[in-house]
Amino acid sequence: MAVRSKQSIKVGIFGHYLPIYRKGVMEKLSSMEDIDLTVHCTENFPAGLRLIKPEEVSFKLRDIRTLLFRIPFIKKMLSFQPAMLLKILSGSYDVYILPNTMSYLDVWACLILSRILGRRVCLWGHGKGSINGTLANWLRKSFMNLADALVFYTESARDEWKQAGISPNKMFVAYNALDTEESALIRSEISESDVTEFVKVHGLENKKIIVYTGRLLVRKRPDLIVDAMVRIITRVPEAHVIIIGDGVMREEIQNRIADAKLNEHISLVGALFDEKKIAYYLMASKIAVMPAAAGLFVQHVFDYGLPIVVGDDMSTHPPEIELVADGKTGLFFEDGNAAHLAERLLELLEDEEKRLQMSSNAKKVIQTKFNVNTMAEGLSQAIRYSCGKRQ
């Protein structure tokens, strides 16, 4: 626990939920001497992720209620957290960090109140949404201009809004990272002999493992992996896919595997939330694959030194896709083309030197930028800037 100075900045972070992968950056931020951190979220929010419990952390974690409202005739949801509004009204914190999401009614209300009451608000997020176009972008710019500071996950998102006319002084980058310190500790506890025993127990000896970790959803296109494997095993019969995750496509994927007679080449593990269990699979693998909607999966596998093969339709991917440099940290295949996916996977399965070089490059991306230290530093810069505006 950090020793607080009398001039420490009281910071309140608000969100729907706090996934376990945010533990590292929150711990790092709360350990800074000049920051007194409290995180507010809904402890049992139905996010489909492993969420942090208050007893697991050293920082203050408060359970608050999130109300969800469905807009008639469309799938879009609106949300409202009464506690967020009450904390703004009471002036409980020097700086409020709120989600940079326009569908959160409470954030709109808090931004407007902050202008009236002189509260310091920082918005944190992608800076993008599911709805785009001239009107949506104008509205999003107006939304963000109400904040004292903005924190983005990538430099390109920051630069895009700089070009749109938002003041560069108020924009910061906190490179979106998983809990890199926790994963490093886990890897240090697993020896090569442990991994050797793991693959033996799971019948994966002498296999060239390709790994997918994510929900089995249509937008992620896991079906393409099955189709690609039909072609891959004709050249690399020892190839084996591990699919970690569950979702609405599970039965369809199972049927595809059975129909293609690939039961000996594809393993459906199901959902895993224990990082150490996942680590064994990642450390036993050679390549990662995510046909679409890659997201934080990119950071996860890069942290374990796995090059990735992803679809080339950038509109399907969150901003994290920027970490993938074709031929350096991963390979792109033609979106929706299983034959091309197979060829790209085969490039790495058949060229170990190339795979190892890309593995090294992937690790460097995490070590130099996308880790808890740089993420916490980006957030702290925005906090100090916002607080400094008070003077």
Protein backbone atom coordinates (compact mmCIF):
# COMPACT_ATOMS: atom_id res chain seq x y z
CA MET A 1 0.00 0.00 0.00
CA ALA A 2 1.44 3.36 -1.06
CA VAL A 3 2.00 6.08 1.58
CA ARG A 4 -0.28 8.96 0.63
CA SER A 5 0.84 12.56 0.74
CA LYS A 6 -1.50 15.27 1.97
CA GLN A 7 -1.68 16.51 -1.61
CA SER A 8 -2.69 13.17 -3.10
CA ILE A 9 -5.27 13.29 -5.89
CA LYS A 10 -8.54 11.53 -5.07
CA VAL A 11 -9.53 9.59 -8.17
CA GLY A 12 -12.78 7.74 -8.83
CA ILE A 13 -12.97 5.31 -11.75
CA PHE A 14 -16.43 4.16 -12.87
CA GLY A 15 -17.43 1.33 -15.19
CA HIS A 16 -19.95 -1.45 -15.69
CA TYR A 17 -17.52 -4.11 -14.48
CA LEU A 18 -13.85 -4.75 -13.69
CA PRO A 19 -12.43 -7.83 -15.45
CA ILE A 20 -9.55 -9.71 -13.87
CA TYR A 21 -7.15 -8.54 -16.58
CA ARG A 22 -7.49 -4.96 -15.27
CA LYS A 23 -6.17 -5.89 -11.83
CA GLY A 24 -2.53 -5.18 -12.70
CA VAL A 25 -3.02 -1.67 -14.06
CA MET A 26 -5.35 -0.69 -11.20
CA GLU A 27 -2.85 -1.97 -8.63
CA LYS A 28 -0.05 -0.07 -10.38
CA LEU A 29 -2.08 3.14 -10.52
CA SER A 30 -3.13 2.89 -6.88
CA SER A 31 0.49 2.35 -5.78
CA MET A 32 1.50 5.82 -6.99
CA GLU A 33 2.11 8.10 -4.01
CA ASP A 34 0.11 11.04 -5.35
CA ILE A 35 -2.98 9.05 -6.39
CA ASP A 36 -5.70 7.86 -4.00
CA LEU A 37 -7.77 5.48 -6.11
CA THR A 38 -11.29 4.12 -5.73
CA VAL A 39 -12.90 1.96 -8.44
CA HIS A 40 -16.69 1.71 -8.75
CA CYS A 41 -18.36 -1.07 -10.76
CA THR A 42 -21.06 -3.73 -10.59
CA GLU A 43 -19.62 -6.82 -8.91
CA ASN A 44 -22.00 -9.28 -10.58
CA PHE A 45 -22.44 -7.63 -13.97
CA PRO A 46 -23.33 -10.25 -16.64
CA ALA A 47 -20.22 -9.67 -18.76
CA GLY A 48 -19.28 -13.29 -19.45
CA LEU A 49 -15.84 -12.60 -18.02
CA ARG A 50 -13.99 -13.41 -14.82
CA LEU A 51 -14.54 -10.29 -12.68
CA ILE A 52 -12.43 -9.01 -9.80
CA LYS A 53 -13.71 -9.38 -6.25
CA PRO A 54 -12.96 -6.70 -3.59
CA GLU A 55 -11.01 -9.17 -1.42
CA GLU A 56 -8.58 -9.84 -4.32
CA VAL A 57 -7.17 -6.32 -4.54
CA SER A 58 -5.36 -3.77 -2.40
CA PHE A 59 -7.12 -0.73 -3.88
CA LYS A 60 -10.65 0.37 -2.92
CA LEU A 61 -13.27 -1.42 -5.01
CA ARG A 62 -16.91 -0.42 -4.53
CA ASP A 63 -19.93 -2.37 -5.77
CA ILE A 64 -22.54 -0.12 -7.41
CA ARG A 65 -25.73 -0.76 -9.38
CA THR A 66 -25.95 -0.54 -13.18
CA LEU A 67 -29.39 -0.09 -14.74
CA LEU A 68 -29.77 -1.26 -18.33
CA PHE A 69 -32.45 -0.08 -20.77
CA ARG A 70 -33.11 -1.64 -24.17
CA ILE A 71 -34.05 0.75 -26.97
CA PRO A 72 -37.27 -0.54 -28.62
CA PHE A 73 -36.89 -2.32 -31.98
CA ILE A 74 -33.08 -2.27 -31.98
CA LYS A 75 -30.42 -4.22 -30.08
CA LYS A 76 -28.74 -1.14 -28.59
CA MET A 77 -28.70 -0.84 -24.79
CA LEU A 78 -28.50 2.30 -22.69
CA SER A 79 -27.10 2.28 -19.18
CA PHE A 80 -27.27 4.37 -16.03
CA GLN A 81 -25.33 4.18 -12.75
CA PRO A 82 -27.02 6.34 -10.08
CA ALA A 83 -23.90 6.26 -7.88
CA MET A 84 -21.83 7.93 -10.60
CA LEU A 85 -24.22 10.87 -10.71
CA LEU A 86 -24.35 11.13 -6.91
CA LYS A 87 -20.54 11.17 -6.65
CA ILE A 88 -20.36 13.98 -9.20
CA LEU A 89 -22.96 15.97 -7.29
CA SER A 90 -21.19 15.47 -3.98
CA GLY A 91 -17.72 16.29 -5.32
CA SER A 92 -16.27 13.13 -3.75
CA TYR A 93 -13.22 13.06 -6.04
CA ASP A 94 -10.71 15.46 -7.52
CA VAL A 95 -10.79 13.58 -10.84
CA TYR A 96 -13.48 11.27 -12.23
CA ILE A 97 -12.53 8.71 -14.90
CA LEU A 98 -15.62 7.69 -16.86
CA PRO A 99 -16.19 5.40 -19.86
CA ASN A 100 -15.83 7.08 -23.25
CA THR A 101 -19.12 5.57 -24.40
CA MET A 102 -21.99 7.70 -25.72
CA SER A 103 -24.70 5.14 -24.89
CA TYR A 104 -24.04 5.60 -21.17
CA LEU A 105 -26.68 8.12 -20.12
CA ASP A 106 -24.97 8.72 -16.78
CA VAL A 107 -21.75 9.83 -18.48
CA TRP A 108 -23.65 12.43 -20.51
CA ALA A 109 -25.31 13.70 -17.33
CA CYS A 110 -22.00 13.78 -15.44
CA LEU A 111 -20.22 15.63 -18.24
CA ILE A 112 -22.88 18.32 -18.30
CA LEU A 113 -22.92 18.60 -14.50
CA SER A 114 -19.13 18.76 -14.41
CA ARG A 115 -19.24 21.90 -16.57
CA ILE A 116 -21.72 23.47 -14.14
CA LEU A 117 -20.12 22.31 -10.88
CA GLY A 118 -16.46 22.52 -11.86
CA ARG A 119 -15.73 18.81 -11.54
CA ARG A 120 -12.73 17.34 -13.40
CA VAL A 121 -13.70 14.49 -15.72
CA CYS A 122 -11.51 12.26 -17.85
CA LEU A 123 -13.02 9.95 -20.49
CA TRP A 124 -11.24 6.62 -21.09
CA GLY A 125 -11.82 4.23 -23.98
CA HIS A 126 -11.50 3.49 -27.69
CA GLY A 127 -12.95 6.81 -28.83
CA LYS A 128 -15.06 4.92 -31.36
CA GLY A 129 -18.49 3.33 -31.44
CA SER A 130 -20.68 0.97 -33.41
CA ILE A 131 -22.46 3.89 -35.09
CA ASN A 132 -20.43 6.07 -37.44
CA GLY A 133 -21.02 8.76 -40.03
CA THR A 134 -20.89 12.56 -40.09
CA LEU A 135 -23.64 13.11 -37.50
CA ALA A 136 -22.39 10.38 -35.15
CA ASN A 137 -18.82 11.69 -35.33
CA TRP A 138 -19.98 15.25 -34.64
CA LEU A 139 -21.96 14.04 -31.64
CA ARG A 140 -18.99 11.98 -30.38
CA LYS A 141 -16.67 14.96 -30.74
CA SER A 142 -19.12 17.15 -28.79
CA PHE A 143 -19.33 14.44 -26.13
CA MET A 144 -15.54 14.25 -25.76
CA ASN A 145 -15.06 18.01 -25.81
CA LEU A 146 -17.06 18.20 -22.57
CA ALA A 147 -14.28 16.30 -20.76
CA ASP A 148 -11.13 17.83 -19.28
CA ALA A 149 -8.97 14.97 -20.56
CA LEU A 150 -9.24 12.00 -22.90
CA VAL A 151 -7.39 8.71 -22.67
CA PHE A 152 -7.21 6.45 -25.72
CA TYR A 153 -5.90 2.91 -26.13
CA THR A 154 -3.77 3.68 -29.19
CA GLU A 155 -1.86 6.56 -30.73
CA SER A 156 -3.84 6.30 -33.96
CA ALA A 157 -7.13 6.90 -32.10
CA ARG A 158 -5.62 9.97 -30.45
CA ASP A 159 -4.24 11.25 -33.76
CA GLU A 160 -7.57 10.72 -35.51
CA TRP A 161 -9.33 13.02 -33.06
CA LYS A 162 -6.46 15.49 -33.21
CA GLN A 163 -7.12 15.73 -36.95
CA ALA A 164 -10.81 16.20 -36.15
CA GLY A 165 -9.97 19.31 -34.13
CA ILE A 166 -9.81 18.19 -30.49
CA SER A 167 -7.01 19.89 -28.55
CA PRO A 168 -3.93 17.62 -28.44
CA ASN A 169 -3.06 18.94 -24.96
CA LYS A 170 -6.01 17.13 -23.39
CA MET A 171 -5.42 13.77 -25.12
CA PHE A 172 -3.32 10.93 -23.69
CA VAL A 173 -2.53 7.33 -24.59
CA ALA A 174 -2.70 4.46 -22.09
CA TYR A 175 -1.72 1.50 -24.25
CA ASN A 176 -4.41 -1.13 -23.70
CA ALA A 177 -2.76 -3.96 -21.76
CA LEU A 178 -3.64 -7.11 -19.92
CA ASP A 179 -2.14 -7.93 -16.54
CA THR A 180 1.37 -8.42 -17.92
CA GLU A 181 2.98 -8.69 -14.48
CA GLU A 182 0.63 -11.49 -13.46
CA SER A 183 1.24 -13.41 -16.70
CA ALA A 184 5.01 -12.98 -16.31
CA LEU A 185 4.79 -14.43 -12.79
CA ILE A 186 2.72 -17.37 -14.05
CA ARG A 187 5.21 -18.11 -16.84
CA SER A 188 8.06 -18.06 -14.36
CA GLU A 189 6.28 -20.75 -12.34
CA ILE A 190 5.86 -23.11 -15.32
CA SER A 191 8.99 -24.93 -16.44
CA GLU A 192 9.69 -26.58 -19.79
CA SER A 193 9.28 -29.95 -18.15
CA ASP A 194 5.86 -28.84 -16.83
CA VAL A 195 4.78 -28.00 -20.38
CA THR A 196 6.20 -31.30 -21.66
CA GLU A 197 4.18 -33.19 -19.08
CA PHE A 198 1.08 -31.12 -19.89
CA VAL A 199 1.15 -31.98 -23.61
CA LYS A 200 1.78 -35.63 -22.77
CA VAL A 201 -1.20 -35.82 -20.42
CA HIS A 202 -3.46 -34.13 -23.00
CA GLY A 203 -2.34 -36.31 -25.88
CA LEU A 204 -0.60 -33.46 -27.68
CA GLU A 205 2.92 -34.84 -27.94
CA ASN A 206 4.70 -33.99 -31.20
CA LYS A 207 1.81 -31.76 -32.24
CA LYS A 208 2.21 -28.33 -33.85
CA ILE A 209 -0.44 -26.48 -31.90
CA ILE A 210 -2.50 -23.56 -33.19
CA VAL A 211 -4.55 -21.83 -30.48
CA TYR A 212 -7.79 -19.82 -30.50
CA THR A 213 -9.01 -18.20 -27.28
CA GLY A 214 -12.33 -16.39 -27.39
CA ARG A 215 -16.06 -16.80 -27.42
CA LEU A 216 -17.55 -18.94 -30.16
CA LEU A 217 -19.49 -16.18 -31.88
CA VAL A 218 -20.42 -15.64 -35.51
CA ARG A 219 -18.55 -12.33 -35.64
CA LYS A 220 -15.30 -14.09 -34.72
CA ARG A 221 -15.68 -16.69 -37.52
CA PRO A 222 -14.23 -19.76 -35.72
CA ASP A 223 -15.82 -21.91 -38.44
CA LEU A 224 -13.08 -20.78 -40.84
CA ILE A 225 -10.48 -22.48 -38.64
CA VAL A 226 -12.19 -25.85 -39.08
CA ASP A 227 -12.41 -25.35 -42.86
CA ALA A 228 -8.75 -24.34 -42.99
CA MET A 229 -7.65 -27.42 -41.06
CA VAL A 230 -9.04 -29.70 -43.78
CA ARG A 231 -6.35 -28.29 -46.06
CA ILE A 232 -3.59 -27.90 -43.46
CA ILE A 233 -3.40 -31.53 -42.36
CA THR A 234 -2.73 -32.71 -45.93
CA ARG A 235 0.68 -30.97 -45.66
CA VAL A 236 1.26 -30.88 -41.91
CA PRO A 237 -0.56 -33.90 -40.43
CA GLU A 238 0.80 -33.11 -36.96
CA ALA A 239 -1.04 -29.77 -36.90
CA HIS A 240 -3.57 -29.49 -34.07
CA VAL A 241 -5.97 -26.69 -33.14
CA ILE A 242 -6.93 -25.91 -29.55
CA ILE A 243 -10.15 -23.88 -29.24
CA ILE A 244 -10.60 -22.31 -25.81
CA GLY A 245 -14.00 -20.71 -25.30
CA ASP A 246 -17.72 -21.28 -25.47
CA GLY A 247 -20.68 -19.62 -27.13
CA VAL A 248 -23.64 -19.93 -29.46
CA MET A 249 -21.58 -21.55 -32.23
CA ARG A 250 -20.26 -24.43 -30.12
CA GLU A 251 -22.68 -27.04 -31.48
CA GLU A 252 -22.12 -25.89 -35.05
CA ILE A 253 -18.34 -26.10 -34.60
CA GLN A 254 -18.64 -29.57 -33.08
CA ASN A 255 -20.72 -30.73 -36.06
CA ARG A 256 -18.26 -29.23 -38.54
CA ILE A 257 -15.38 -31.01 -36.84
CA ALA A 258 -17.24 -34.32 -36.92
CA ASP A 259 -18.35 -33.92 -40.54
CA ALA A 260 -14.79 -33.13 -41.64
CA LYS A 261 -13.44 -36.05 -39.57
CA LEU A 262 -11.12 -33.70 -37.67
CA ASN A 263 -11.73 -34.97 -34.14
CA GLU A 264 -8.07 -36.01 -33.89
CA HIS A 265 -6.90 -32.57 -35.08
CA ILE A 266 -9.13 -30.08 -33.23
CA SER A 267 -9.83 -29.96 -29.49
CA LEU A 268 -12.73 -27.98 -28.03
CA VAL A 269 -11.59 -27.14 -24.50
CA GLY A 270 -14.53 -24.97 -23.49
CA ALA A 271 -14.43 -21.74 -21.48
CA LEU A 272 -11.42 -21.16 -19.21
CA PHE A 273 -10.97 -18.18 -16.91
CA ASP A 274 -7.96 -19.36 -14.91
CA GLU A 275 -4.90 -17.67 -16.41
CA LYS A 276 -2.56 -20.43 -15.27
CA LYS A 277 -4.61 -23.09 -17.06
CA ILE A 278 -4.71 -20.96 -20.18
CA ALA A 279 -0.97 -20.33 -19.88
CA TYR A 280 -0.20 -24.04 -20.29
CA TYR A 281 -2.05 -24.12 -23.60
CA LEU A 282 -0.41 -20.91 -24.83
CA MET A 283 3.07 -22.07 -23.83
CA ALA A 284 2.50 -25.36 -25.66
CA SER A 285 1.35 -23.58 -28.83
CA LYS A 286 3.26 -22.28 -31.83
CA ILE A 287 0.74 -19.95 -33.47
CA ALA A 288 -2.45 -18.08 -32.54
CA VAL A 289 -5.41 -17.55 -34.85
CA MET A 290 -8.43 -15.26 -34.75
CA PRO A 291 -10.30 -14.89 -38.06
CA ALA A 292 -12.19 -11.73 -37.01
CA ALA A 293 -12.86 -9.45 -34.01
CA ALA A 294 -9.44 -10.12 -32.49
CA GLY A 295 -9.44 -7.54 -29.66
CA LEU A 296 -7.33 -8.14 -26.54
CA PHE A 297 -6.58 -11.67 -27.75
CA VAL A 298 -3.74 -10.03 -29.70
CA GLN A 299 -2.08 -8.69 -26.52
CA HIS A 300 -2.67 -11.98 -24.75
CA VAL A 301 -0.90 -14.18 -27.28
CA PHE A 302 1.87 -11.64 -27.99
CA ASP A 303 2.66 -11.69 -24.27
CA TYR A 304 3.34 -15.42 -24.67
CA GLY A 305 5.37 -14.92 -27.83
CA LEU A 306 2.85 -16.29 -30.31
CA PRO A 307 2.58 -14.74 -33.78
CA ILE A 308 -1.02 -14.42 -34.92
CA VAL A 309 -2.96 -14.99 -38.13
CA VAL A 310 -6.00 -12.70 -38.53
CA GLY A 311 -8.49 -11.63 -41.19
CA ASP A 312 -7.70 -8.50 -43.19
CA ASP A 313 -11.08 -6.76 -42.81
CA MET A 314 -10.06 -4.09 -40.31
CA SER A 315 -13.68 -3.09 -39.71
CA THR A 316 -14.26 -6.37 -37.82
CA HIS A 317 -11.42 -5.76 -35.38
CA PRO A 318 -11.15 -3.46 -32.34
CA PRO A 319 -8.19 -1.00 -32.29
CA GLU A 320 -5.87 -3.67 -30.84
CA ILE A 321 -5.43 -4.98 -34.40
CA GLU A 322 -2.85 -2.20 -34.84
CA LEU A 323 -0.36 -4.37 -32.96
CA VAL A 324 -0.35 -6.83 -35.85
CA ALA A 325 2.27 -5.91 -38.46
CA ASP A 326 2.01 -8.21 -41.46
CA GLY A 327 5.14 -10.31 -41.79
CA LYS A 328 6.58 -9.01 -38.49
CA THR A 329 4.25 -9.92 -35.62
CA GLY A 330 1.58 -11.77 -37.57
CA LEU A 331 0.02 -12.52 -40.94
CA PHE A 332 -3.21 -11.34 -42.53
CA PHE A 333 -5.42 -13.53 -44.68
CA GLU A 334 -8.23 -12.54 -47.03
CA ASP A 335 -11.32 -12.08 -44.89
CA GLY A 336 -13.66 -15.08 -45.04
CA ASN A 337 -11.27 -17.12 -47.22
CA ALA A 338 -10.53 -20.43 -45.46
CA ALA A 339 -8.10 -21.53 -48.18
CA HIS A 340 -6.01 -18.40 -47.73
CA LEU A 341 -6.17 -18.80 -43.95
CA ALA A 342 -4.76 -22.30 -44.38
CA GLU A 343 -1.90 -20.99 -46.54
CA ARG A 344 -0.96 -18.33 -44.02
CA LEU A 345 -0.98 -20.78 -41.13
CA LEU A 346 1.13 -23.18 -43.20
CA GLU A 347 3.71 -20.43 -43.76
CA LEU A 348 4.43 -20.45 -40.04
CA LEU A 349 3.98 -24.18 -39.46
CA GLU A 350 6.52 -24.98 -42.19
CA ASP A 351 9.04 -22.18 -41.57
CA GLU A 352 10.28 -22.37 -37.98
CA GLU A 353 12.89 -19.64 -38.46
CA LYS A 354 10.24 -17.20 -39.65
CA ARG A 355 7.91 -18.18 -36.82
CA LEU A 356 10.60 -17.66 -34.18
CA GLN A 357 11.51 -14.22 -35.53
CA MET A 358 7.89 -13.16 -35.46
CA SER A 359 7.58 -14.59 -31.96
CA SER A 360 10.44 -12.37 -30.81
CA ASN A 361 8.86 -9.33 -32.46
CA ALA A 362 5.51 -10.03 -30.80
CA LYS A 363 7.10 -10.19 -27.34
CA LYS A 364 8.84 -6.84 -27.90
CA VAL A 365 5.51 -5.14 -28.64
CA ILE A 366 4.32 -6.06 -25.14
CA GLN A 367 7.62 -5.39 -23.39
CA THR A 368 8.04 -1.91 -24.88
CA LYS A 369 4.47 -0.56 -25.03
CA PHE A 370 1.46 -2.66 -24.20
CA ASN A 371 2.07 -3.48 -20.53
CA VAL A 372 0.68 -2.39 -17.16
CA ASN A 373 3.49 0.10 -16.55
CA THR A 374 2.91 2.14 -19.70
CA MET A 375 -0.86 1.88 -19.32
CA ALA A 376 -0.79 3.14 -15.73
CA GLU A 377 1.57 5.94 -16.72
CA GLY A 378 -0.77 7.11 -19.48
CA LEU A 379 -3.70 7.18 -17.08
CA SER A 380 -1.70 9.00 -14.40
CA GLN A 381 -0.64 11.69 -16.88
CA ALA A 382 -4.28 12.36 -17.74
CA ILE A 383 -5.20 12.46 -14.04
CA ARG A 384 -2.47 14.96 -13.19
CA TYR A 385 -3.33 17.10 -16.19
CA SER A 386 -7.02 17.15 -15.23
CA CYS A 387 -6.23 18.02 -11.63
CA GLY A 388 -3.78 20.70 -12.70
CA LYS A 389 -6.54 22.51 -14.55
CA ARG A 390 -8.08 23.26 -11.14
CA GLN A 391 -5.26 25.69 -10.32
